[in-house]
Amino acid sequence: QVLLVESGGGSVQAGGSLRLSCAASGAASGNRYSKYMGWFRQAPGKEREGVAIIYRGGSGSTYYADSVKGRFTISQNNGENTLSLQMNSLKPEDTAMYYCAATAGWPAGGPFDGTSYPYWGQGTQVSVSA
């Protein structure tokens, strides 16, 4: 069983910061089923989009959507089996439900191919006011 639980969402004003966390348990706590983990978001009326992905192997490579580069930072704490997303300089367009996701291998369509991630959390809401 793979379980991902997000926390840390909330409401902030533009320019503010939030830190999201994703706790992995079960099979996801090891790397076998969660070599690639990261964050996706979906705003009302919009398609789901990838935000930031991290490779939990040796290189720890990270991938960011252009819209969040320089503002968001993804990190992992393997000892605690947690994934974090530090979000700074938030904008109203960052408002969305944020989901943690995990997959065992390189996503077929690239790091932000959501269809290649079989494991998802329940989501946490981020709201940014102007």
C-alpha atoms as a PDB file:
ATOM      1  CA  GLN A   1       0.000   0.000   0.000  1.00  0.00           C
ATOM      2  CA  VAL A   2       1.289   3.443  -0.936  1.00  0.00           C
ATOM      3  CA  LEU A   3       0.023   6.400   1.048  1.00  0.00           C
ATOM      4  CA  LEU A   4       0.826  10.063   0.484  1.00  0.00           C
ATOM      5  CA  VAL A   5      -0.540  12.735   2.809  1.00  0.00           C
ATOM      6  CA  GLU A   6      -0.108  16.456   2.109  1.00  0.00           C
ATOM      7  CA  SER A   7      -0.193  19.282   4.610  1.00  0.00           C
ATOM      8  CA  GLY A   8       0.730  22.933   4.863  1.00  0.00           C
ATOM      9  CA  GLY A   9      -1.714  24.615   2.537  1.00  0.00           C
ATOM     10  CA  GLY A  10      -3.488  27.811   3.464  1.00  0.00           C
ATOM     11  CA  SER A  11      -4.290  31.363   2.481  1.00  0.00           C
ATOM     12  CA  VAL A  12      -1.713  34.100   2.031  1.00  0.00           C
ATOM     13  CA  GLN A  13      -1.395  37.461   0.378  1.00  0.00           C
ATOM     14  CA  ALA A  14       0.591  37.921  -2.799  1.00  0.00           C
ATOM     15  CA  GLY A  15       4.304  37.989  -2.069  1.00  0.00           C
ATOM     16  CA  GLY A  16       3.928  35.674   0.888  1.00  0.00           C
ATOM     17  CA  SER A  17       5.288  32.180   1.467  1.00  0.00           C
ATOM     18  CA  LEU A  18       3.968  28.734   2.267  1.00  0.00           C
ATOM     19  CA  ARG A  19       5.628  25.389   2.799  1.00  0.00           C
ATOM     20  CA  LEU A  20       3.861  22.210   1.741  1.00  0.00           C
ATOM     21  CA  SER A  21       4.805  18.793   3.046  1.00  0.00           C
ATOM     22  CA  CYS A  22       4.049  15.296   1.811  1.00  0.00           C
ATOM     23  CA  ALA A  23       4.459  12.365   4.151  1.00  0.00           C
ATOM     24  CA  ALA A  24       5.043   9.028   2.448  1.00  0.00           C
ATOM     25  CA  SER A  25       4.213   5.766   4.153  1.00  0.00           C
ATOM     26  CA  GLY A  26       3.828   2.158   3.182  1.00  0.00           C
ATOM     27  CA  ALA A  27       5.663   1.153   0.044  1.00  0.00           C
ATOM     28  CA  ALA A  28       6.156   4.814  -0.874  1.00  0.00           C
ATOM     29  CA  SER A  29       8.384   5.329   2.126  1.00  0.00           C
ATOM     30  CA  GLY A  30      11.133   3.479   0.313  1.00  0.00           C
ATOM     31  CA  ASN A  31      12.381   4.378  -3.117  1.00  0.00           C
ATOM     32  CA  ARG A  32      11.151   1.301  -4.959  1.00  0.00           C
ATOM     33  CA  TYR A  33       7.706   2.742  -5.750  1.00  0.00           C
ATOM     34  CA  SER A  34       8.569   6.409  -5.462  1.00  0.00           C
ATOM     35  CA  LYS A  35      11.806   7.096  -7.329  1.00  0.00           C
ATOM     36  CA  TYR A  36      10.213  10.229  -8.680  1.00  0.00           C
ATOM     37  CA  MET A  37       8.048  12.322  -6.409  1.00  0.00           C
ATOM     38  CA  GLY A  38       6.701  15.759  -6.730  1.00  0.00           C
ATOM     39  CA  TRP A  39       3.910  18.251  -6.827  1.00  0.00           C
ATOM     40  CA  PHE A  40       1.115  18.940  -9.247  1.00  0.00           C
ATOM     41  CA  ARG A  41      -1.620  21.526  -8.988  1.00  0.00           C
ATOM     42  CA  GLN A  42      -5.038  22.111 -10.419  1.00  0.00           C
ATOM     43  CA  ALA A  43      -6.936  25.361 -10.361  1.00  0.00           C
ATOM     44  CA  PRO A  44     -10.711  25.527 -10.911  1.00  0.00           C
ATOM     45  CA  GLY A  45     -11.548  25.194 -14.567  1.00  0.00           C
ATOM     46  CA  LYS A  46      -7.958  24.430 -15.541  1.00  0.00           C
ATOM     47  CA  GLU A  47      -6.038  21.300 -16.339  1.00  0.00           C
ATOM     48  CA  ARG A  48      -3.699  19.717 -13.841  1.00  0.00           C
ATOM     49  CA  GLU A  49      -0.130  20.863 -14.263  1.00  0.00           C
ATOM     50  CA  GLY A  50       3.206  19.738 -12.929  1.00  0.00           C
ATOM     51  CA  VAL A  51       4.952  22.104 -10.544  1.00  0.00           C
ATOM     52  CA  ALA A  52       8.122  20.452  -9.246  1.00  0.00           C
ATOM     53  CA  ILE A  53       9.550  16.941  -9.323  1.00  0.00           C
ATOM     54  CA  ILE A  54      12.543  15.401  -7.570  1.00  0.00           C
ATOM     55  CA  TYR A  55      14.468  12.237  -8.297  1.00  0.00           C
ATOM     56  CA  ARG A  56      14.980  10.410  -5.021  1.00  0.00           C
ATOM     57  CA  GLY A  57      18.028   8.593  -6.249  1.00  0.00           C
ATOM     58  CA  GLY A  58      21.647   9.586  -5.938  1.00  0.00           C
ATOM     59  CA  SER A  59      21.605  12.667  -8.165  1.00  0.00           C
ATOM     60  CA  GLY A  60      18.558  14.213  -6.521  1.00  0.00           C
ATOM     61  CA  SER A  61      17.765  15.925  -9.817  1.00  0.00           C
ATOM     62  CA  THR A  62      14.958  18.433  -9.704  1.00  0.00           C
ATOM     63  CA  TYR A  63      12.563  19.698 -12.335  1.00  0.00           C
ATOM     64  CA  TYR A  64      10.471  22.860 -12.181  1.00  0.00           C
ATOM     65  CA  ALA A  65       7.709  24.342 -14.236  1.00  0.00           C
ATOM     66  CA  ASP A  66       8.799  27.598 -15.852  1.00  0.00           C
ATOM     67  CA  SER A  67       6.072  29.440 -13.962  1.00  0.00           C
ATOM     68  CA  VAL A  68       7.624  28.613 -10.573  1.00  0.00           C
ATOM     69  CA  LYS A  69      11.351  28.602 -11.282  1.00  0.00           C
ATOM     70  CA  GLY A  70      13.222  30.810  -8.856  1.00  0.00           C
ATOM     71  CA  ARG A  71      10.262  30.956  -6.486  1.00  0.00           C
ATOM     72  CA  PHE A  72       9.572  27.347  -5.479  1.00  0.00           C
ATOM     73  CA  THR A  73      12.031  24.807  -4.092  1.00  0.00           C
ATOM     74  CA  ILE A  74      11.398  21.088  -3.792  1.00  0.00           C
ATOM     75  CA  SER A  75      13.343  19.033  -1.275  1.00  0.00           C
ATOM     76  CA  GLN A  76      13.260  15.658   0.391  1.00  0.00           C
ATOM     77  CA  ASN A  77      14.086  14.286   3.805  1.00  0.00           C
ATOM     78  CA  ASN A  78      14.662  10.611   3.265  1.00  0.00           C
ATOM     79  CA  GLY A  79      15.172   9.975   6.949  1.00  0.00           C
ATOM     80  CA  GLU A  80      11.648  11.163   7.625  1.00  0.00           C
ATOM     81  CA  ASN A  81      10.203  10.050   4.273  1.00  0.00           C
ATOM     82  CA  THR A  82       8.865  13.515   3.617  1.00  0.00           C
ATOM     83  CA  LEU A  83       8.800  15.756   0.599  1.00  0.00           C
ATOM     84  CA  SER A  84       8.547  19.519   0.876  1.00  0.00           C
ATOM     85  CA  LEU A  85       7.733  22.398  -1.422  1.00  0.00           C
ATOM     86  CA  GLN A  86       8.864  25.816  -0.264  1.00  0.00           C
ATOM     87  CA  MET A  87       6.840  28.427  -2.096  1.00  0.00           C
ATOM     88  CA  ASN A  88       8.032  32.029  -1.989  1.00  0.00           C
ATOM     89  CA  SER A  89       6.858  35.180  -3.731  1.00  0.00           C
ATOM     90  CA  LEU A  90       3.446  33.646  -4.204  1.00  0.00           C
ATOM     91  CA  LYS A  91       1.145  35.075  -6.854  1.00  0.00           C
ATOM     92  CA  PRO A  92      -2.634  34.901  -7.193  1.00  0.00           C
ATOM     93  CA  GLU A  93      -2.143  32.600 -10.181  1.00  0.00           C
ATOM     94  CA  ASP A  94      -0.540  30.056  -7.832  1.00  0.00           C
ATOM     95  CA  THR A  95      -3.959  29.499  -6.278  1.00  0.00           C
ATOM     96  CA  ALA A  96      -4.854  25.829  -6.742  1.00  0.00           C
ATOM     97  CA  MET A  97      -5.230  22.469  -5.099  1.00  0.00           C
ATOM     98  CA  TYR A  98      -1.756  21.017  -4.736  1.00  0.00           C
ATOM     99  CA  TYR A  99      -1.209  17.274  -4.948  1.00  0.00           C
ATOM    100  CA  CYS A 100       1.755  15.117  -4.025  1.00  0.00           C
ATOM    101  CA  ALA A 101       2.448  12.278  -6.442  1.00  0.00           C
ATOM    102  CA  ALA A 102       4.904   9.411  -6.798  1.00  0.00           C
ATOM    103  CA  THR A 103       5.995   6.927  -9.410  1.00  0.00           C
ATOM    104  CA  ALA A 104       8.547   4.134  -9.577  1.00  0.00           C
ATOM    105  CA  GLY A 105      10.273   5.029 -12.829  1.00  0.00           C
ATOM    106  CA  TRP A 106      10.893   7.850 -15.262  1.00  0.00           C
ATOM    107  CA  PRO A 107       7.497   9.143 -16.407  1.00  0.00           C
ATOM    108  CA  ALA A 108       6.847   8.194 -20.022  1.00  0.00           C
ATOM    109  CA  GLY A 109       5.978  11.719 -21.091  1.00  0.00           C
ATOM    110  CA  GLY A 110       8.572  13.508 -19.011  1.00  0.00           C
ATOM    111  CA  PRO A 111       8.627  14.562 -15.361  1.00  0.00           C
ATOM    112  CA  PHE A 112       5.310  16.425 -15.541  1.00  0.00           C
ATOM    113  CA  ASP A 113       3.372  13.629 -17.203  1.00  0.00           C
ATOM    114  CA  GLY A 114       0.738  13.169 -14.516  1.00  0.00           C
ATOM    115  CA  THR A 115      -0.691  10.075 -16.183  1.00  0.00           C
ATOM    116  CA  SER A 116       2.530   8.231 -15.323  1.00  0.00           C
ATOM    117  CA  TYR A 117       2.109   8.742 -11.585  1.00  0.00           C
ATOM    118  CA  PRO A 118       0.021   5.985 -10.002  1.00  0.00           C
ATOM    119  CA  TYR A 119       0.177   7.295  -6.440  1.00  0.00           C
ATOM    120  CA  TRP A 120      -1.490  10.522  -5.325  1.00  0.00           C
ATOM    121  CA  GLY A 121      -2.290  12.314  -2.127  1.00  0.00           C
ATOM    122  CA  GLN A 122      -5.658  13.865  -1.335  1.00  0.00           C
ATOM    123  CA  GLY A 123      -4.468  17.407  -1.986  1.00  0.00           C
ATOM    124  CA  THR A 124      -4.038  20.596   0.003  1.00  0.00           C
ATOM    125  CA  GLN A 125      -5.501  23.977  -0.956  1.00  0.00           C
ATOM    126  CA  VAL A 126      -3.323  27.018  -1.568  1.00  0.00           C
ATOM    127  CA  SER A 127      -5.052  30.367  -1.966  1.00  0.00           C
ATOM    128  CA  VAL A 128      -3.185  33.575  -2.775  1.00  0.00           C
ATOM    129  CA  SER A 129      -4.996  36.896  -2.654  1.00  0.00           C
ATOM    130  CA  ALA A 130      -3.921  40.016  -4.501  1.00  0.00           C
END
